[in-house]
Amino acid sequence: MKYTLLDEAAKVVPNPDILVNLVSKRVKQLRNGAEPLVQSLEKLSLEDIALREVIEGKIAADI
């Protein structure tokens, strides 16, 4: 996991508990075959893809 992405995602979802739950749920979806909502030229882990989706506003926590 890239910590720079984690820091940026924490600015979007400041509550760490919600961020962890959001990212872990999205990683499970990606493992089960969901298509990533972001494109990247570099190879990213599923966790990094989920974090990029949060940063770019593609997924959000409904509270």
PDB file of N, CA and C in Angstrom:
ATOM      1  N   MET A   1       0.840  -1.162   0.000  1.00  0.00           N
ATOM      2  CA  MET A   1       0.000   0.000   0.000  1.00  0.00           C
ATOM      3  C   MET A   1       0.891   1.233   0.000  1.00  0.00           C
ATOM      4  N   LYS A   2       0.532   2.166  -0.843  1.00  0.00           N
ATOM      5  CA  LYS A   2       1.280   3.416  -0.919  1.00  0.00           C
ATOM      6  C   LYS A   2       0.732   4.389   0.119  1.00  0.00           C
ATOM      7  N   TYR A   3       1.607   4.807   1.022  1.00  0.00           N
ATOM      8  CA  TYR A   3       1.168   5.660   2.114  1.00  0.00           C
ATOM      9  C   TYR A   3       0.786   7.059   1.647  1.00  0.00           C
ATOM     10  N   THR A   4       1.306   7.490   0.509  1.00  0.00           N
ATOM     11  CA  THR A   4       0.897   8.795  -0.019  1.00  0.00           C
ATOM     12  C   THR A   4      -0.581   8.753  -0.399  1.00  0.00           C
ATOM     13  N   LEU A   5      -1.022   7.624  -0.970  1.00  0.00           N
ATOM     14  CA  LEU A   5      -2.441   7.479  -1.309  1.00  0.00           C
ATOM     15  C   LEU A   5      -3.290   7.439  -0.049  1.00  0.00           C
ATOM     16  N   LEU A   6      -2.798   6.767   0.976  1.00  0.00           N
ATOM     17  CA  LEU A   6      -3.525   6.692   2.243  1.00  0.00           C
ATOM     18  C   LEU A   6      -3.690   8.081   2.853  1.00  0.00           C
ATOM     19  N   ASP A   7      -2.641   8.875   2.814  1.00  0.00           N
ATOM     20  CA  ASP A   7      -2.712  10.239   3.353  1.00  0.00           C
ATOM     21  C   ASP A   7      -3.720  11.091   2.580  1.00  0.00           C
ATOM     22  N   GLU A   8      -3.724  10.955   1.251  1.00  0.00           N
ATOM     23  CA  GLU A   8      -4.668  11.718   0.432  1.00  0.00           C
ATOM     24  C   GLU A   8      -6.101  11.269   0.679  1.00  0.00           C
ATOM     25  N   ALA A   9      -6.319   9.960   0.799  1.00  0.00           N
ATOM     26  CA  ALA A   9      -7.665   9.433   1.056  1.00  0.00           C
ATOM     27  C   ALA A   9      -8.157   9.867   2.433  1.00  0.00           C
ATOM     28  N   ALA A  10      -7.255   9.983   3.395  1.00  0.00           N
ATOM     29  CA  ALA A  10      -7.635  10.421   4.739  1.00  0.00           C
ATOM     30  C   ALA A  10      -8.123  11.866   4.740  1.00  0.00           C
ATOM     31  N   LYS A  11      -7.717  12.654   3.768  1.00  0.00           N
ATOM     32  CA  LYS A  11      -8.227  14.016   3.641  1.00  0.00           C
ATOM     33  C   LYS A  11      -9.666  14.019   3.147  1.00  0.00           C
ATOM     34  N   VAL A  12     -10.017  13.005   2.339  1.00  0.00           N
ATOM     35  CA  VAL A  12     -11.373  12.899   1.796  1.00  0.00           C
ATOM     36  C   VAL A  12     -12.314  12.273   2.824  1.00  0.00           C
ATOM     37  N   VAL A  13     -11.848  11.217   3.495  1.00  0.00           N
ATOM     38  CA  VAL A  13     -12.618  10.531   4.543  1.00  0.00           C
ATOM     39  C   VAL A  13     -11.766  10.596   5.815  1.00  0.00           C
ATOM     40  N   PRO A  14     -11.952  11.632   6.628  1.00  0.00           N
ATOM     41  CA  PRO A  14     -11.069  11.842   7.774  1.00  0.00           C
ATOM     42  C   PRO A  14     -11.217  10.826   8.911  1.00  0.00           C
ATOM     43  N   ASN A  15     -12.345  10.156   9.000  1.00  0.00           N
ATOM     44  CA  ASN A  15     -12.539   9.162  10.059  1.00  0.00           C
ATOM     45  C   ASN A  15     -11.837   7.871   9.649  1.00  0.00           C
ATOM     46  N   PRO A  16     -10.777   7.451  10.361  1.00  0.00           N
ATOM     47  CA  PRO A  16     -10.014   6.271   9.958  1.00  0.00           C
ATOM     48  C   PRO A  16     -10.830   4.979   9.962  1.00  0.00           C
ATOM     49  N   ASP A  17     -11.780   4.857  10.884  1.00  0.00           N
ATOM     50  CA  ASP A  17     -12.606   3.651  10.922  1.00  0.00           C
ATOM     51  C   ASP A  17     -13.463   3.524   9.669  1.00  0.00           C
ATOM     52  N   ILE A  18     -14.053   4.624   9.255  1.00  0.00           N
ATOM     53  CA  ILE A  18     -14.891   4.611   8.051  1.00  0.00           C
ATOM     54  C   ILE A  18     -14.036   4.356   6.819  1.00  0.00           C
ATOM     55  N   LEU A  19     -12.857   4.975   6.761  1.00  0.00           N
ATOM     56  CA  LEU A  19     -11.970   4.780   5.619  1.00  0.00           C
ATOM     57  C   LEU A  19     -11.550   3.318   5.493  1.00  0.00           C
ATOM     58  N   VAL A  20     -11.181   2.702   6.603  1.00  0.00           N
ATOM     59  CA  VAL A  20     -10.775   1.289   6.581  1.00  0.00           C
ATOM     60  C   VAL A  20     -11.926   0.405   6.106  1.00  0.00           C
ATOM     61  N   ASN A  21     -13.112   0.643   6.621  1.00  0.00           N
ATOM     62  CA  ASN A  21     -14.266  -0.155   6.213  1.00  0.00           C
ATOM     63  C   ASN A  21     -14.596   0.042   4.740  1.00  0.00           C
ATOM     64  N   LEU A  22     -14.528   1.272   4.271  1.00  0.00           N
ATOM     65  CA  LEU A  22     -14.820   1.576   2.877  1.00  0.00           C
ATOM     66  C   LEU A  22     -13.823   0.897   1.945  1.00  0.00           C
ATOM     67  N   VAL A  23     -12.547   1.011   2.260  1.00  0.00           N
ATOM     68  CA  VAL A  23     -11.510   0.424   1.416  1.00  0.00           C
ATOM     69  C   VAL A  23     -11.579  -1.106   1.454  1.00  0.00           C
ATOM     70  N   SER A  24     -11.777  -1.678   2.634  1.00  0.00           N
ATOM     71  CA  SER A  24     -11.815  -3.147   2.711  1.00  0.00           C
ATOM     72  C   SER A  24     -13.016  -3.712   1.961  1.00  0.00           C
ATOM     73  N   LYS A  25     -14.157  -3.044   2.039  1.00  0.00           N
ATOM     74  CA  LYS A  25     -15.335  -3.506   1.290  1.00  0.00           C
ATOM     75  C   LYS A  25     -15.074  -3.432  -0.215  1.00  0.00           C
ATOM     76  N   ARG A  26     -14.452  -2.346  -0.649  1.00  0.00           N
ATOM     77  CA  ARG A  26     -14.163  -2.186  -2.078  1.00  0.00           C
ATOM     78  C   ARG A  26     -13.130  -3.204  -2.550  1.00  0.00           C
ATOM     79  N   VAL A  27     -12.133  -3.515  -1.737  1.00  0.00           N
ATOM     80  CA  VAL A  27     -11.132  -4.523  -2.095  1.00  0.00           C
ATOM     81  C   VAL A  27     -11.806  -5.878  -2.285  1.00  0.00           C
ATOM     82  N   LYS A  28     -12.748  -6.222  -1.407  1.00  0.00           N
ATOM     83  CA  LYS A  28     -13.489  -7.480  -1.562  1.00  0.00           C
ATOM     84  C   LYS A  28     -14.243  -7.502  -2.886  1.00  0.00           C
ATOM     85  N   GLN A  29     -14.867  -6.374  -3.250  1.00  0.00           N
ATOM     86  CA  GLN A  29     -15.578  -6.295  -4.521  1.00  0.00           C
ATOM     87  C   GLN A  29     -14.623  -6.481  -5.693  1.00  0.00           C
ATOM     88  N   LEU A  30     -13.456  -5.854  -5.622  1.00  0.00           N
ATOM     89  CA  LEU A  30     -12.467  -5.976  -6.697  1.00  0.00           C
ATOM     90  C   LEU A  30     -11.951  -7.417  -6.803  1.00  0.00           C
ATOM     91  N   ARG A  31     -11.738  -8.065  -5.660  1.00  0.00           N
ATOM     92  CA  ARG A  31     -11.294  -9.471  -5.672  1.00  0.00           C
ATOM     93  C   ARG A  31     -12.335 -10.386  -6.296  1.00  0.00           C
ATOM     94  N   ASN A  32     -13.598 -10.011  -6.138  1.00  0.00           N
ATOM     95  CA  ASN A  32     -14.683 -10.829  -6.671  1.00  0.00           C
ATOM     96  C   ASN A  32     -15.023 -10.480  -8.119  1.00  0.00           C
ATOM     97  N   GLY A  33     -14.193  -9.663  -8.759  1.00  0.00           N
ATOM     98  CA  GLY A  33     -14.359  -9.407 -10.181  1.00  0.00           C
ATOM     99  C   GLY A  33     -14.898  -8.054 -10.583  1.00  0.00           C
ATOM    100  N   ALA A  34     -15.143  -7.171  -9.642  1.00  0.00           N
ATOM    101  CA  ALA A  34     -15.620  -5.829  -9.994  1.00  0.00           C
ATOM    102  C   ALA A  34     -14.544  -5.095 -10.784  1.00  0.00           C
ATOM    103  N   GLU A  35     -14.970  -4.297 -11.724  1.00  0.00           N
ATOM    104  CA  GLU A  35     -14.046  -3.512 -12.537  1.00  0.00           C
ATOM    105  C   GLU A  35     -13.581  -2.276 -11.768  1.00  0.00           C
ATOM    106  N   PRO A  36     -12.296  -1.956 -11.822  1.00  0.00           N
ATOM    107  CA  PRO A  36     -11.817  -0.718 -11.184  1.00  0.00           C
ATOM    108  C   PRO A  36     -12.464   0.506 -11.822  1.00  0.00           C
ATOM    109  N   LEU A  37     -12.731   1.516 -11.017  1.00  0.00           N
ATOM    110  CA  LEU A  37     -13.360   2.743 -11.498  1.00  0.00           C
ATOM    111  C   LEU A  37     -12.336   3.800 -11.884  1.00  0.00           C
ATOM    112  N   VAL A  38     -11.052   3.483 -11.721  1.00  0.00           N
ATOM    113  CA  VAL A  38      -9.969   4.397 -12.080  1.00  0.00           C
ATOM    114  C   VAL A  38      -8.993   3.672 -13.001  1.00  0.00           C
ATOM    115  N   GLN A  39      -8.334   4.439 -13.826  1.00  0.00           N
ATOM    116  CA  GLN A  39      -7.315   3.899 -14.726  1.00  0.00           C
ATOM    117  C   GLN A  39      -5.944   4.322 -14.216  1.00  0.00           C
ATOM    118  N   SER A  40      -4.968   3.442 -14.391  1.00  0.00           N
ATOM    119  CA  SER A  40      -3.613   3.773 -13.964  1.00  0.00           C
ATOM    120  C   SER A  40      -2.614   3.151 -14.927  1.00  0.00           C
ATOM    121  N   LEU A  41      -1.569   3.888 -15.222  1.00  0.00           N
ATOM    122  CA  LEU A  41      -0.511   3.365 -16.070  1.00  0.00           C
ATOM    123  C   LEU A  41       0.446   2.491 -15.274  1.00  0.00           C
ATOM    124  N   GLU A  42       0.456   2.661 -13.957  1.00  0.00           N
ATOM    125  CA  GLU A  42       1.320   1.845 -13.118  1.00  0.00           C
ATOM    126  C   GLU A  42       0.517   0.697 -12.505  1.00  0.00           C
ATOM    127  N   LYS A  43       1.217  -0.354 -12.125  1.00  0.00           N
ATOM    128  CA  LYS A  43       0.558  -1.498 -11.510  1.00  0.00           C
ATOM    129  C   LYS A  43       0.277  -1.174 -10.045  1.00  0.00           C
ATOM    130  N   LEU A  44      -1.004  -1.198  -9.686  1.00  0.00           N
ATOM    131  CA  LEU A  44      -1.411  -0.881  -8.324  1.00  0.00           C
ATOM    132  C   LEU A  44      -2.008  -2.114  -7.654  1.00  0.00           C
ATOM    133  N   SER A  45      -1.830  -2.198  -6.343  1.00  0.00           N
ATOM    134  CA  SER A  45      -2.490  -3.258  -5.582  1.00  0.00           C
ATOM    135  C   SER A  45      -3.982  -2.930  -5.501  1.00  0.00           C
ATOM    136  N   LEU A  46      -4.776  -3.905  -5.115  1.00  0.00           N
ATOM    137  CA  LEU A  46      -6.211  -3.673  -4.987  1.00  0.00           C
ATOM    138  C   LEU A  46      -6.500  -2.600  -3.939  1.00  0.00           C
ATOM    139  N   GLU A  47      -5.709  -2.572  -2.883  1.00  0.00           N
ATOM    140  CA  GLU A  47      -5.875  -1.553  -1.851  1.00  0.00           C
ATOM    141  C   GLU A  47      -5.605  -0.161  -2.415  1.00  0.00           C
ATOM    142  N   ASP A  48      -4.559  -0.046  -3.230  1.00  0.00           N
ATOM    143  CA  ASP A  48      -4.225   1.239  -3.834  1.00  0.00           C
ATOM    144  C   ASP A  48      -5.302   1.679  -4.825  1.00  0.00           C
ATOM    145  N   ILE A  49      -5.853   0.738  -5.560  1.00  0.00           N
ATOM    146  CA  ILE A  49      -6.947   1.066  -6.481  1.00  0.00           C
ATOM    147  C   ILE A  49      -8.130   1.617  -5.693  1.00  0.00           C
ATOM    148  N   ALA A  50      -8.491   0.953  -4.598  1.00  0.00           N
ATOM    149  CA  ALA A  50      -9.605   1.418  -3.771  1.00  0.00           C
ATOM    150  C   ALA A  50      -9.327   2.806  -3.205  1.00  0.00           C
ATOM    151  N   LEU A  51      -8.100   3.046  -2.753  1.00  0.00           N
ATOM    152  CA  LEU A  51      -7.744   4.364  -2.240  1.00  0.00           C
ATOM    153  C   LEU A  51      -7.841   5.429  -3.333  1.00  0.00           C
ATOM    154  N   ARG A  52      -7.377   5.111  -4.535  1.00  0.00           N
ATOM    155  CA  ARG A  52      -7.487   6.069  -5.658  1.00  0.00           C
ATOM    156  C   ARG A  52      -8.943   6.369  -5.970  1.00  0.00           C
ATOM    157  N   GLU A  53      -9.801   5.347  -5.878  1.00  0.00           N
ATOM    158  CA  GLU A  53     -11.233   5.557  -6.120  1.00  0.00           C
ATOM    159  C   GLU A  53     -11.822   6.519  -5.083  1.00  0.00           C
ATOM    160  N   VAL A  54     -11.373   6.405  -3.842  1.00  0.00           N
ATOM    161  CA  VAL A  54     -11.837   7.339  -2.790  1.00  0.00           C
ATOM    162  C   VAL A  54     -11.324   8.741  -3.092  1.00  0.00           C
ATOM    163  N   ILE A  55     -10.053   8.855  -3.411  1.00  0.00           N
ATOM    164  CA  ILE A  55      -9.439  10.165  -3.670  1.00  0.00           C
ATOM    165  C   ILE A  55     -10.130  10.875  -4.831  1.00  0.00           C
ATOM    166  N   GLU A  56     -10.437  10.119  -5.884  1.00  0.00           N
ATOM    167  CA  GLU A  56     -11.049  10.718  -7.080  1.00  0.00           C
ATOM    168  C   GLU A  56     -12.559  10.864  -6.967  1.00  0.00           C
ATOM    169  N   GLY A  57     -13.129  10.479  -5.830  1.00  0.00           N
ATOM    170  CA  GLY A  57     -14.569  10.661  -5.627  1.00  0.00           C
ATOM    171  C   GLY A  57     -15.420   9.625  -6.338  1.00  0.00           C
ATOM    172  N   LYS A  58     -14.827   8.528  -6.747  1.00  0.00           N
ATOM    173  CA  LYS A  58     -15.584   7.479  -7.448  1.00  0.00           C
ATOM    174  C   LYS A  58     -16.415   6.641  -6.481  1.00  0.00           C
ATOM    175  N   ILE A  59     -15.933   6.516  -5.231  1.00  0.00           N
ATOM    176  CA  ILE A  59     -16.702   5.843  -4.185  1.00  0.00           C
ATOM    177  C   ILE A  59     -16.685   6.726  -2.952  1.00  0.00           C
ATOM    178  N   ALA A  60     -17.721   6.616  -2.148  1.00  0.00           N
ATOM    179  CA  ALA A  60     -17.814   7.420  -0.933  1.00  0.00           C
ATOM    180  C   ALA A  60     -18.580   6.644   0.126  1.00  0.00           C
ATOM    181  N   ALA A  61     -18.392   7.037   1.345  1.00  0.00           N
ATOM    182  CA  ALA A  61     -19.113   6.421   2.457  1.00  0.00           C
ATOM    183  C   ALA A  61     -20.417   7.168   2.659  1.00  0.00           C
ATOM    184  N   ASP A  62     -21.511   6.452   2.623  1.00  0.00           N
ATOM    185  CA  ASP A  62     -22.809   7.056   2.931  1.00  0.00           C
ATOM    186  C   ASP A  62     -23.052   6.918   4.414  1.00  0.00           C
ATOM    187  N   ILE A  63     -23.052   8.041   5.078  1.00  0.00           N
ATOM    188  CA  ILE A  63     -23.202   8.025   6.534  1.00  0.00           C
ATOM    189  C   ILE A  63     -24.579   8.539   6.909  1.00  0.00           C
TER     190      ILE A  63
END
